[in-house]
Amino acid sequence: MNASSQTLQSQGSPILLLAHLLTAHPDLPAATYHVDNIVPDHLYISLHDGDFGRFEEWRLLLGLGVPVTHIFGESTWVDVEGVVQDVPVRLTGHGTAAEVAAYVASNTAVAA
């Protein structure tokens, strides 16, 4: 489908998921949300403050799996993808290399 021929309705599923989360879990930490017209049925959620406790709260609530660590130059982040209420979701947490390493180490220790 051509992105210019899409309507707001084509983005309805991720928007409705966000509305549900707002209603059911209003105390979730604030994040950055992205829904676009290129992949209209996906929801992207990002946390940028390096507080991986907030990332973990979102991850557990959404029932997402184990995140993958990424390093690109000075940028370090973790992300995890899954499907929530039939909506593909990507959750991303950004932080310093030390913050990401501490988060990964704490999750590795819990899993062991």
PDB file of N, CA and C in Angstrom:
ATOM      1  N   MET A   1       0.849  -1.187   0.000  1.00  0.00           N
ATOM      2  CA  MET A   1       0.000   0.000   0.000  1.00  0.00           C
ATOM      3  C   MET A   1       0.885   1.238   0.000  1.00  0.00           C
ATOM      4  N   ASN A   2       0.575   2.175  -0.836  1.00  0.00           N
ATOM      5  CA  ASN A   2       1.286   3.435  -0.921  1.00  0.00           C
ATOM      6  C   ASN A   2       1.014   4.245   0.344  1.00  0.00           C
ATOM      7  N   ALA A   3       2.077   4.737   0.992  1.00  0.00           N
ATOM      8  CA  ALA A   3       1.925   5.473   2.247  1.00  0.00           C
ATOM      9  C   ALA A   3       1.039   6.698   2.076  1.00  0.00           C
ATOM     10  N   SER A   4       1.042   7.329   0.892  1.00  0.00           N
ATOM     11  CA  SER A   4       0.245   8.535   0.706  1.00  0.00           C
ATOM     12  C   SER A   4      -1.246   8.230   0.582  1.00  0.00           C
ATOM     13  N   SER A   5      -1.611   6.972   0.341  1.00  0.00           N
ATOM     14  CA  SER A   5      -3.035   6.637   0.219  1.00  0.00           C
ATOM     15  C   SER A   5      -3.611   6.079   1.514  1.00  0.00           C
ATOM     16  N   GLN A   6      -2.814   5.976   2.553  1.00  0.00           N
ATOM     17  CA  GLN A   6      -3.294   5.440   3.826  1.00  0.00           C
ATOM     18  C   GLN A   6      -4.059   6.505   4.599  1.00  0.00           C
ATOM     19  N   THR A   7      -4.853   6.027   5.527  1.00  0.00           N
ATOM     20  CA  THR A   7      -5.631   6.919   6.374  1.00  0.00           C
ATOM     21  C   THR A   7      -5.261   6.700   7.836  1.00  0.00           C
ATOM     22  N   LEU A   8      -5.760   7.554   8.681  1.00  0.00           N
ATOM     23  CA  LEU A   8      -5.554   7.399  10.116  1.00  0.00           C
ATOM     24  C   LEU A   8      -6.063   6.037  10.587  1.00  0.00           C
ATOM     25  N   GLN A   9      -7.124   5.553   9.975  1.00  0.00           N
ATOM     26  CA  GLN A   9      -7.683   4.261  10.357  1.00  0.00           C
ATOM     27  C   GLN A   9      -6.659   3.131  10.190  1.00  0.00           C
ATOM     28  N   SER A  10      -5.775   3.229   9.194  1.00  0.00           N
ATOM     29  CA  SER A  10      -4.773   2.172   8.992  1.00  0.00           C
ATOM     30  C   SER A  10      -3.780   2.109  10.153  1.00  0.00           C
ATOM     31  N   GLN A  11      -3.736   3.166  10.957  1.00  0.00           N
ATOM     32  CA  GLN A  11      -2.858   3.207  12.124  1.00  0.00           C
ATOM     33  C   GLN A  11      -3.628   2.927  13.416  1.00  0.00           C
ATOM     34  N   GLY A  12      -4.858   2.504  13.270  1.00  0.00           N
ATOM     35  CA  GLY A  12      -5.745   2.350  14.423  1.00  0.00           C
ATOM     36  C   GLY A  12      -5.292   1.344  15.460  1.00  0.00           C
ATOM     37  N   SER A  13      -4.778   0.192  15.045  1.00  0.00           N
ATOM     38  CA  SER A  13      -4.419  -0.849  16.019  1.00  0.00           C
ATOM     39  C   SER A  13      -3.377  -0.391  17.030  1.00  0.00           C
ATOM     40  N   PRO A  14      -2.247   0.191  16.613  1.00  0.00           N
ATOM     41  CA  PRO A  14      -1.286   0.639  17.627  1.00  0.00           C
ATOM     42  C   PRO A  14      -1.802   1.809  18.467  1.00  0.00           C
ATOM     43  N   ILE A  15      -2.610   2.671  17.882  1.00  0.00           N
ATOM     44  CA  ILE A  15      -3.165   3.787  18.641  1.00  0.00           C
ATOM     45  C   ILE A  15      -4.134   3.269  19.694  1.00  0.00           C
ATOM     46  N   LEU A  16      -4.952   2.296  19.332  1.00  0.00           N
ATOM     47  CA  LEU A  16      -5.881   1.703  20.300  1.00  0.00           C
ATOM     48  C   LEU A  16      -5.134   0.953  21.401  1.00  0.00           C
ATOM     49  N   LEU A  17      -4.019   0.302  21.055  1.00  0.00           N
ATOM     50  CA  LEU A  17      -3.220  -0.355  22.083  1.00  0.00           C
ATOM     51  C   LEU A  17      -2.690   0.672  23.077  1.00  0.00           C
ATOM     52  N   LEU A  18      -2.193   1.801  22.585  1.00  0.00           N
ATOM     53  CA  LEU A  18      -1.728   2.861  23.485  1.00  0.00           C
ATOM     54  C   LEU A  18      -2.867   3.379  24.363  1.00  0.00           C
ATOM     55  N   ALA A  19      -4.041   3.552  23.784  1.00  0.00           N
ATOM     56  CA  ALA A  19      -5.202   4.014  24.551  1.00  0.00           C
ATOM     57  C   ALA A  19      -5.550   3.008  25.641  1.00  0.00           C
ATOM     58  N   HIS A  20      -5.486   1.716  25.308  1.00  0.00           N
ATOM     59  CA  HIS A  20      -5.746   0.675  26.306  1.00  0.00           C
ATOM     60  C   HIS A  20      -4.717   0.738  27.438  1.00  0.00           C
ATOM     61  N   LEU A  21      -3.434   0.889  27.073  1.00  0.00           N
ATOM     62  CA  LEU A  21      -2.390   0.969  28.099  1.00  0.00           C
ATOM     63  C   LEU A  21      -2.590   2.186  28.996  1.00  0.00           C
ATOM     64  N   LEU A  22      -2.995   3.290  28.414  1.00  0.00           N
ATOM     65  CA  LEU A  22      -3.262   4.502  29.189  1.00  0.00           C
ATOM     66  C   LEU A  22      -4.380   4.263  30.198  1.00  0.00           C
ATOM     67  N   THR A  23      -5.423   3.592  29.762  1.00  0.00           N
ATOM     68  CA  THR A  23      -6.564   3.335  30.639  1.00  0.00           C
ATOM     69  C   THR A  23      -6.240   2.294  31.705  1.00  0.00           C
ATOM     70  N   ALA A  24      -5.612   1.198  31.291  1.00  0.00           N
ATOM     71  CA  ALA A  24      -5.365   0.083  32.203  1.00  0.00           C
ATOM     72  C   ALA A  24      -4.138   0.288  33.098  1.00  0.00           C
ATOM     73  N   HIS A  25      -3.165   1.072  32.644  1.00  0.00           N
ATOM     74  CA  HIS A  25      -1.899   1.242  33.368  1.00  0.00           C
ATOM     75  C   HIS A  25      -1.442   2.703  33.326  1.00  0.00           C
ATOM     76  N   PRO A  26      -2.222   3.610  33.885  1.00  0.00           N
ATOM     77  CA  PRO A  26      -1.887   5.040  33.769  1.00  0.00           C
ATOM     78  C   PRO A  26      -0.584   5.431  34.468  1.00  0.00           C
ATOM     79  N   ASP A  27      -0.077   4.585  35.356  1.00  0.00           N
ATOM     80  CA  ASP A  27       1.140   4.919  36.086  1.00  0.00           C
ATOM     81  C   ASP A  27       2.415   4.385  35.431  1.00  0.00           C
ATOM     82  N   LEU A  28       2.289   3.796  34.233  1.00  0.00           N
ATOM     83  CA  LEU A  28       3.489   3.382  33.511  1.00  0.00           C
ATOM     84  C   LEU A  28       4.376   4.606  33.278  1.00  0.00           C
ATOM     85  N   PRO A  29       5.690   4.419  33.279  1.00  0.00           N
ATOM     86  CA  PRO A  29       6.570   5.555  33.003  1.00  0.00           C
ATOM     87  C   PRO A  29       6.314   6.138  31.613  1.00  0.00           C
ATOM     88  N   ALA A  30       6.399   7.442  31.517  1.00  0.00           N
ATOM     89  CA  ALA A  30       6.248   8.108  30.221  1.00  0.00           C
ATOM     90  C   ALA A  30       7.371   7.661  29.292  1.00  0.00           C
ATOM     91  N   ALA A  31       7.073   7.624  28.006  1.00  0.00           N
ATOM     92  CA  ALA A  31       8.032   7.173  26.998  1.00  0.00           C
ATOM     93  C   ALA A  31       7.781   7.962  25.716  1.00  0.00           C
ATOM     94  N   THR A  32       8.573   7.660  24.710  1.00  0.00           N
ATOM     95  CA  THR A  32       8.357   8.199  23.368  1.00  0.00           C
ATOM     96  C   THR A  32       7.652   7.128  22.559  1.00  0.00           C
ATOM     97  N   TYR A  33       6.579   7.501  21.862  1.00  0.00           N
ATOM     98  CA  TYR A  33       5.777   6.548  21.086  1.00  0.00           C
ATOM     99  C   TYR A  33       5.841   6.949  19.617  1.00  0.00           C
ATOM    100  N   HIS A  34       5.916   5.941  18.756  1.00  0.00           N
ATOM    101  CA  HIS A  34       6.011   6.233  17.330  1.00  0.00           C
ATOM    102  C   HIS A  34       5.097   5.284  16.556  1.00  0.00           C
ATOM    103  N   VAL A  35       4.206   5.866  15.780  1.00  0.00           N
ATOM    104  CA  VAL A  35       3.371   5.143  14.824  1.00  0.00           C
ATOM    105  C   VAL A  35       3.538   5.899  13.515  1.00  0.00           C
ATOM    106  N   ASP A  36       3.898   5.192  12.434  1.00  0.00           N
ATOM    107  CA  ASP A  36       4.103   5.927  11.192  1.00  0.00           C
ATOM    108  C   ASP A  36       3.261   5.372  10.055  1.00  0.00           C
ATOM    109  N   ASN A  37       3.333   6.025   8.916  1.00  0.00           N
ATOM    110  CA  ASN A  37       2.530   5.591   7.768  1.00  0.00           C
ATOM    111  C   ASN A  37       3.308   4.664   6.850  1.00  0.00           C
ATOM    112  N   ILE A  38       4.561   4.361   7.167  1.00  0.00           N
ATOM    113  CA  ILE A  38       5.331   3.399   6.382  1.00  0.00           C
ATOM    114  C   ILE A  38       4.978   1.981   6.825  1.00  0.00           C
ATOM    115  N   VAL A  39       4.958   1.768   8.124  1.00  0.00           N
ATOM    116  CA  VAL A  39       4.554   0.484   8.715  1.00  0.00           C
ATOM    117  C   VAL A  39       3.435   0.817   9.711  1.00  0.00           C
ATOM    118  N   PRO A  40       2.223   1.043   9.225  1.00  0.00           N
ATOM    119  CA  PRO A  40       1.175   1.640  10.047  1.00  0.00           C
ATOM    120  C   PRO A  40       0.643   0.763  11.178  1.00  0.00           C
ATOM    121  N   ASP A  41       0.884  -0.531  11.119  1.00  0.00           N
ATOM    122  CA  ASP A  41       0.305  -1.386  12.151  1.00  0.00           C
ATOM    123  C   ASP A  41       1.265  -1.670  13.300  1.00  0.00           C
ATOM    124  N   HIS A  42       2.447  -1.057  13.317  1.00  0.00           N
ATOM    125  CA  HIS A  42       3.450  -1.281  14.355  1.00  0.00           C
ATOM    126  C   HIS A  42       3.461  -0.123  15.355  1.00  0.00           C
ATOM    127  N   LEU A  43       3.857  -0.459  16.590  1.00  0.00           N
ATOM    128  CA  LEU A  43       4.037   0.537  17.640  1.00  0.00           C
ATOM    129  C   LEU A  43       5.480   0.473  18.119  1.00  0.00           C
ATOM    130  N   TYR A  44       6.130   1.610  18.157  1.00  0.00           N
ATOM    131  CA  TYR A  44       7.499   1.716  18.639  1.00  0.00           C
ATOM    132  C   TYR A  44       7.482   2.536  19.925  1.00  0.00           C
ATOM    133  N   ILE A  45       8.069   1.982  20.983  1.00  0.00           N
ATOM    134  CA  ILE A  45       8.126   2.650  22.283  1.00  0.00           C
ATOM    135  C   ILE A  45       9.596   2.771  22.667  1.00  0.00           C
ATOM    136  N   SER A  46      10.029   3.984  23.008  1.00  0.00           N
ATOM    137  CA  SER A  46      11.434   4.214  23.369  1.00  0.00           C
ATOM    138  C   SER A  46      11.534   4.935  24.698  1.00  0.00           C
ATOM    139  N   LEU A  47      12.520   4.519  25.473  1.00  0.00           N
ATOM    140  CA  LEU A  47      12.868   5.202  26.714  1.00  0.00           C
ATOM    141  C   LEU A  47      14.310   5.661  26.570  1.00  0.00           C
ATOM    142  N   HIS A  48      14.554   6.944  26.842  1.00  0.00           N
ATOM    143  CA  HIS A  48      15.846   7.549  26.518  1.00  0.00           C
ATOM    144  C   HIS A  48      16.654   8.006  27.725  1.00  0.00           C
ATOM    145  N   ASP A  49      16.207   7.727  28.927  1.00  0.00           N
ATOM    146  CA  ASP A  49      16.864   8.327  30.086  1.00  0.00           C
ATOM    147  C   ASP A  49      17.897   7.442  30.768  1.00  0.00           C
ATOM    148  N   GLY A  50      18.141   6.233  30.250  1.00  0.00           N
ATOM    149  CA  GLY A  50      19.127   5.346  30.855  1.00  0.00           C
ATOM    150  C   GLY A  50      18.648   4.658  32.116  1.00  0.00           C
ATOM    151  N   ASP A  51      17.390   4.866  32.500  1.00  0.00           N
ATOM    152  CA  ASP A  51      16.812   4.209  33.673  1.00  0.00           C
ATOM    153  C   ASP A  51      16.184   2.897  33.206  1.00  0.00           C
ATOM    154  N   PHE A  52      16.936   1.826  33.286  1.00  0.00           N
ATOM    155  CA  PHE A  52      16.457   0.562  32.747  1.00  0.00           C
ATOM    156  C   PHE A  52      15.426  -0.113  33.645  1.00  0.00           C
ATOM    157  N   GLY A  53      15.211   0.411  34.831  1.00  0.00           N
ATOM    158  CA  GLY A  53      14.084  -0.044  35.646  1.00  0.00           C
ATOM    159  C   GLY A  53      12.772   0.318  34.955  1.00  0.00           C
ATOM    160  N   ARG A  54      12.733   1.488  34.344  1.00  0.00           N
ATOM    161  CA  ARG A  54      11.546   1.924  33.599  1.00  0.00           C
ATOM    162  C   ARG A  54      11.359   1.059  32.354  1.00  0.00           C
ATOM    163  N   PHE A  55      12.457   0.765  31.655  1.00  0.00           N
ATOM    164  CA  PHE A  55      12.409  -0.123  30.491  1.00  0.00           C
ATOM    165  C   PHE A  55      11.873  -1.487  30.905  1.00  0.00           C
ATOM    166  N   GLU A  56      12.384  -2.009  32.008  1.00  0.00           N
ATOM    167  CA  GLU A  56      11.981  -3.333  32.476  1.00  0.00           C
ATOM    168  C   GLU A  56      10.505  -3.359  32.868  1.00  0.00           C
ATOM    169  N   GLU A  57      10.020  -2.283  33.446  1.00  0.00           N
ATOM    170  CA  GLU A  57       8.597  -2.203  33.798  1.00  0.00           C
ATOM    171  C   GLU A  57       7.732  -2.347  32.543  1.00  0.00           C
ATOM    172  N   TRP A  58       8.088  -1.634  31.486  1.00  0.00           N
ATOM    173  CA  TRP A  58       7.364  -1.747  30.217  1.00  0.00           C
ATOM    174  C   TRP A  58       7.493  -3.165  29.647  1.00  0.00           C
ATOM    175  N   ARG A  59       8.726  -3.694  29.633  1.00  0.00           N
ATOM    176  CA  ARG A  59       8.976  -5.009  29.030  1.00  0.00           C
ATOM    177  C   ARG A  59       8.144  -6.099  29.709  1.00  0.00           C
ATOM    178  N   LEU A  60       8.137  -6.089  31.028  1.00  0.00           N
ATOM    179  CA  LEU A  60       7.392  -7.108  31.760  1.00  0.00           C
ATOM    180  C   LEU A  60       5.890  -6.961  31.555  1.00  0.00           C
ATOM    181  N   LEU A  61       5.401  -5.734  31.602  1.00  0.00           N
ATOM    182  CA  LEU A  61       3.973  -5.516  31.409  1.00  0.00           C
ATOM    183  C   LEU A  61       3.518  -5.979  30.024  1.00  0.00           C
ATOM    184  N   LEU A  62       4.331  -5.698  29.008  1.00  0.00           N
ATOM    185  CA  LEU A  62       3.971  -6.080  27.642  1.00  0.00           C
ATOM    186  C   LEU A  62       4.219  -7.560  27.365  1.00  0.00           C
ATOM    187  N   GLY A  63       4.913  -8.244  28.274  1.00  0.00           N
ATOM    188  CA  GLY A  63       5.186  -9.659  28.086  1.00  0.00           C
ATOM    189  C   GLY A  63       6.201  -9.939  26.994  1.00  0.00           C
ATOM    190  N   LEU A  64       7.162  -9.025  26.843  1.00  0.00           N
ATOM    191  CA  LEU A  64       8.169  -9.172  25.795  1.00  0.00           C
ATOM    192  C   LEU A  64       9.344 -10.005  26.295  1.00  0.00           C
ATOM    193  N   GLY A  65      10.067 -10.609  25.374  1.00  0.00           N
ATOM    194  CA  GLY A  65      11.165 -11.514  25.695  1.00  0.00           C
ATOM    195  C   GLY A  65      12.438 -10.809  26.120  1.00  0.00           C
ATOM    196  N   VAL A  66      13.547 -11.486  25.893  1.00  0.00           N
ATOM    197  CA  VAL A  66      14.868 -10.990  26.297  1.00  0.00           C
ATOM    198  C   VAL A  66      15.358  -9.961  25.282  1.00  0.00           C
ATOM    199  N   PRO A  67      15.767  -8.786  25.759  1.00  0.00           N
ATOM    200  CA  PRO A  67      16.245  -7.758  24.836  1.00  0.00           C
ATOM    201  C   PRO A  67      17.622  -8.078  24.253  1.00  0.00           C
ATOM    202  N   VAL A  68      17.887  -7.479  23.110  1.00  0.00           N
ATOM    203  CA  VAL A  68      19.162  -7.606  22.414  1.00  0.00           C
ATOM    204  C   VAL A  68      19.919  -6.294  22.595  1.00  0.00           C
ATOM    205  N   THR A  69      21.224  -6.391  22.843  1.00  0.00           N
ATOM    206  CA  THR A  69      22.060  -5.213  23.036  1.00  0.00           C
ATOM    207  C   THR A  69      22.656  -4.778  21.700  1.00  0.00           C
ATOM    208  N   HIS A  70      22.696  -3.466  21.487  1.00  0.00           N
ATOM    209  CA  HIS A  70      23.256  -2.891  20.264  1.00  0.00           C
ATOM    210  C   HIS A  70      24.265  -1.815  20.634  1.00  0.00           C
ATOM    211  N   ILE A  71      25.371  -1.782  19.913  1.00  0.00           N
ATOM    212  CA  ILE A  71      26.377  -0.734  20.073  1.00  0.00           C
ATOM    213  C   ILE A  71      26.715  -0.234  18.681  1.00  0.00           C
ATOM    214  N   PHE A  72      26.599   1.081  18.509  1.00  0.00           N
ATOM    215  CA  PHE A  72      26.937   1.691  17.232  1.00  0.00           C
ATOM    216  C   PHE A  72      27.666   2.983  17.543  1.00  0.00           C
ATOM    217  N   GLY A  73      28.971   2.954  17.410  1.00  0.00           N
ATOM    218  CA  GLY A  73      29.762   4.132  17.772  1.00  0.00           C
ATOM    219  C   GLY A  73      29.587   4.444  19.245  1.00  0.00           C
ATOM    220  N   GLU A  74      29.161   5.649  19.547  1.00  0.00           N
ATOM    221  CA  GLU A  74      28.928   6.073  20.928  1.00  0.00           C
ATOM    222  C   GLU A  74      27.536   5.716  21.431  1.00  0.00           C
ATOM    223  N   SER A  75      26.689   5.224  20.557  1.00  0.00           N
ATOM    224  CA  SER A  75      25.306   4.907  20.929  1.00  0.00           C
ATOM    225  C   SER A  75      25.198   3.469  21.428  1.00  0.00           C
ATOM    226  N   THR A  76      24.466   3.300  22.514  1.00  0.00           N
ATOM    227  CA  THR A  76      24.247   1.979  23.087  1.00  0.00           C
ATOM    228  C   THR A  76      22.780   1.874  23.476  1.00  0.00           C
ATOM    229  N   TRP A  77      22.155   0.763  23.110  1.00  0.00           N
ATOM    230  CA  TRP A  77      20.758   0.577  23.444  1.00  0.00           C
ATOM    231  C   TRP A  77      20.425  -0.911  23.466  1.00  0.00           C
ATOM    232  N   VAL A  78      19.265  -1.207  24.043  1.00  0.00           N
ATOM    233  CA  VAL A  78      18.708  -2.555  24.001  1.00  0.00           C
ATOM    234  C   VAL A  78      17.328  -2.447  23.390  1.00  0.00           C
ATOM    235  N   ASP A  79      16.925  -3.491  22.693  1.00  0.00           N
ATOM    236  CA  ASP A  79      15.549  -3.511  22.214  1.00  0.00           C
ATOM    237  C   ASP A  79      15.031  -4.937  22.163  1.00  0.00           C
ATOM    238  N   VAL A  80      13.724  -5.010  22.122  1.00  0.00           N
ATOM    239  CA  VAL A  80      13.040  -6.294  22.092  1.00  0.00           C
ATOM    240  C   VAL A  80      11.749  -6.103  21.302  1.00  0.00           C
ATOM    241  N   GLU A  81      11.420  -7.107  20.520  1.00  0.00           N
ATOM    242  CA  GLU A  81      10.202  -7.052  19.710  1.00  0.00           C
ATOM    243  C   GLU A  81       9.264  -8.181  20.115  1.00  0.00           C
ATOM    244  N   GLY A  82       7.989  -7.936  19.936  1.00  0.00           N
ATOM    245  CA  GLY A  82       6.984  -8.951  20.207  1.00  0.00           C
ATOM    246  C   GLY A  82       5.647  -8.476  19.677  1.00  0.00           C
ATOM    247  N   VAL A  83       4.628  -9.248  19.966  1.00  0.00           N
ATOM    248  CA  VAL A  83       3.273  -8.899  19.542  1.00  0.00           C
ATOM    249  C   VAL A  83       2.413  -8.778  20.792  1.00  0.00           C
ATOM    250  N   VAL A  84       1.722  -7.651  20.908  1.00  0.00           N
ATOM    251  CA  VAL A  84       0.857  -7.374  22.047  1.00  0.00           C
ATOM    252  C   VAL A  84      -0.527  -7.053  21.500  1.00  0.00           C
ATOM    253  N   GLN A  85      -1.518  -7.842  21.868  1.00  0.00           N
ATOM    254  CA  GLN A  85      -2.886  -7.660  21.374  1.00  0.00           C
ATOM    255  C   GLN A  85      -2.902  -7.514  19.849  1.00  0.00           C
ATOM    256  N   ASP A  86      -2.209  -8.411  19.177  1.00  0.00           N
ATOM    257  CA  ASP A  86      -2.123  -8.458  17.709  1.00  0.00           C
ATOM    258  C   ASP A  86      -1.394  -7.276  17.080  1.00  0.00           C
ATOM    259  N   VAL A  87      -0.693  -6.482  17.886  1.00  0.00           N
ATOM    260  CA  VAL A  87       0.068  -5.337  17.373  1.00  0.00           C
ATOM    261  C   VAL A  87       1.563  -5.627  17.527  1.00  0.00           C
ATOM    262  N   PRO A  88       2.328  -5.605  16.436  1.00  0.00           N
ATOM    263  CA  PRO A  88       3.781  -5.740  16.563  1.00  0.00           C
ATOM    264  C   PRO A  88       4.342  -4.525  17.316  1.00  0.00           C
ATOM    265  N   VAL A  89       5.138  -4.805  18.345  1.00  0.00           N
ATOM    266  CA  VAL A  89       5.680  -3.754  19.211  1.00  0.00           C
ATOM    267  C   VAL A  89       7.192  -3.914  19.287  1.00  0.00           C
ATOM    268  N   ARG A  90       7.897  -2.792  19.214  1.00  0.00           N
ATOM    269  CA  ARG A  90       9.341  -2.769  19.499  1.00  0.00           C
ATOM    270  C   ARG A  90       9.555  -1.806  20.660  1.00  0.00           C
ATOM    271  N   LEU A  91      10.169  -2.326  21.715  1.00  0.00           N
ATOM    272  CA  LEU A  91      10.509  -1.530  22.893  1.00  0.00           C
ATOM    273  C   LEU A  91      12.018  -1.315  22.893  1.00  0.00           C
ATOM    274  N   THR A  92      12.441  -0.061  23.002  1.00  0.00           N
ATOM    275  CA  THR A  92      13.856   0.276  22.962  1.00  0.00           C
ATOM    276  C   THR A  92      14.221   1.094  24.192  1.00  0.00           C
ATOM    277  N   GLY A  93      15.356   0.747  24.798  1.00  0.00           N
ATOM    278  CA  GLY A  93      15.889   1.498  25.928  1.00  0.00           C
ATOM    279  C   GLY A  93      17.279   1.999  25.592  1.00  0.00           C
ATOM    280  N   HIS A  94      17.482   3.298  25.698  1.00  0.00           N
ATOM    281  CA  HIS A  94      18.769   3.927  25.376  1.00  0.00           C
ATOM    282  C   HIS A  94      19.485   4.303  26.671  1.00  0.00           C
ATOM    283  N   GLY A  95      20.802   4.182  26.645  1.00  0.00           N
ATOM    284  CA  GLY A  95      21.596   4.588  27.795  1.00  0.00           C
ATOM    285  C   GLY A  95      23.067   4.622  27.435  1.00  0.00           C
ATOM    286  N   THR A  96      23.858   4.991  28.416  1.00  0.00           N
ATOM    287  CA  THR A  96      25.303   4.958  28.213  1.00  0.00           C
ATOM    288  C   THR A  96      25.753   3.504  28.159  1.00  0.00           C
ATOM    289  N   ALA A  97      26.978   3.290  27.695  1.00  0.00           N
ATOM    290  CA  ALA A  97      27.513   1.927  27.654  1.00  0.00           C
ATOM    291  C   ALA A  97      27.501   1.307  29.050  1.00  0.00           C
ATOM    292  N   ALA A  98      27.836   2.092  30.071  1.00  0.00           N
ATOM    293  CA  ALA A  98      27.849   1.583  31.445  1.00  0.00           C
ATOM    294  C   ALA A  98      26.437   1.224  31.917  1.00  0.00           C
ATOM    295  N   GLU A  99      25.454   2.054  31.588  1.00  0.00           N
ATOM    296  CA  GLU A  99      24.072   1.768  31.996  1.00  0.00           C
ATOM    297  C   GLU A  99      23.547   0.503  31.333  1.00  0.00           C
ATOM    298  N   VAL A 100      23.828   0.357  30.044  1.00  0.00           N
ATOM    299  CA  VAL A 100      23.376  -0.846  29.321  1.00  0.00           C
ATOM    300  C   VAL A 100      24.078  -2.079  29.879  1.00  0.00           C
ATOM    301  N   ALA A 101      25.382  -1.972  30.109  1.00  0.00           N
ATOM    302  CA  ALA A 101      26.135  -3.113  30.656  1.00  0.00           C
ATOM    303  C   ALA A 101      25.605  -3.528  32.017  1.00  0.00           C
ATOM    304  N   ALA A 102      25.281  -2.570  32.876  1.00  0.00           N
ATOM    305  CA  ALA A 102      24.733  -2.883  34.189  1.00  0.00           C
ATOM    306  C   ALA A 102      23.383  -3.569  34.067  1.00  0.00           C
ATOM    307  N   TYR A 103      22.548  -3.080  33.158  1.00  0.00           N
ATOM    308  CA  TYR A 103      21.231  -3.694  32.943  1.00  0.00           C
ATOM    309  C   TYR A 103      21.385  -5.140  32.452  1.00  0.00           C
ATOM    310  N   VAL A 104      22.244  -5.351  31.457  1.00  0.00           N
ATOM    311  CA  VAL A 104      22.464  -6.697  30.913  1.00  0.00           C
ATOM    312  C   VAL A 104      23.014  -7.609  32.001  1.00  0.00           C
ATOM    313  N   ALA A 105      23.961  -7.127  32.797  1.00  0.00           N
ATOM    314  CA  ALA A 105      24.546  -7.939  33.868  1.00  0.00           C
ATOM    315  C   ALA A 105      23.501  -8.318  34.898  1.00  0.00           C
ATOM    316  N   SER A 106      22.622  -7.386  35.242  1.00  0.00           N
ATOM    317  CA  SER A 106      21.592  -7.684  36.249  1.00  0.00           C
ATOM    318  C   SER A 106      20.606  -8.712  35.721  1.00  0.00           C
ATOM    319  N   ASN A 107      20.278  -8.643  34.440  1.00  0.00           N
ATOM    320  CA  ASN A 107      19.352  -9.630  33.855  1.00  0.00           C
ATOM    321  C   ASN A 107      20.015 -10.985  33.709  1.00  0.00           C
ATOM    322  N   THR A 108      21.310 -10.998  33.420  1.00  0.00           N
ATOM    323  CA  THR A 108      22.036 -12.270  33.295  1.00  0.00           C
ATOM    324  C   THR A 108      22.108 -12.949  34.656  1.00  0.00           C
ATOM    325  N   ALA A 109      22.325 -12.152  35.715  1.00  0.00           N
ATOM    326  CA  ALA A 109      22.403 -12.720  37.055  1.00  0.00           C
ATOM    327  C   ALA A 109      21.068 -13.305  37.500  1.00  0.00           C
ATOM    328  N   VAL A 110      19.969 -12.636  37.147  1.00  0.00           N
ATOM    329  CA  VAL A 110      18.631 -13.111  37.500  1.00  0.00           C
ATOM    330  C   VAL A 110      18.327 -14.410  36.755  1.00  0.00           C
ATOM    331  N   ALA A 111      18.734 -14.493  35.482  1.00  0.00           N
ATOM    332  CA  ALA A 111      18.437 -15.678  34.671  1.00  0.00           C
ATOM    333  C   ALA A 111      19.249 -16.892  35.105  1.00  0.00           C
ATOM    334  N   ALA A 112      20.401 -16.668  35.739  1.00  0.00           N
ATOM    335  CA  ALA A 112      21.279 -17.783  36.112  1.00  0.00           C
ATOM    336  C   ALA A 112      20.793 -18.571  37.289  1.00  0.00           C
TER     337      ALA A 112
END
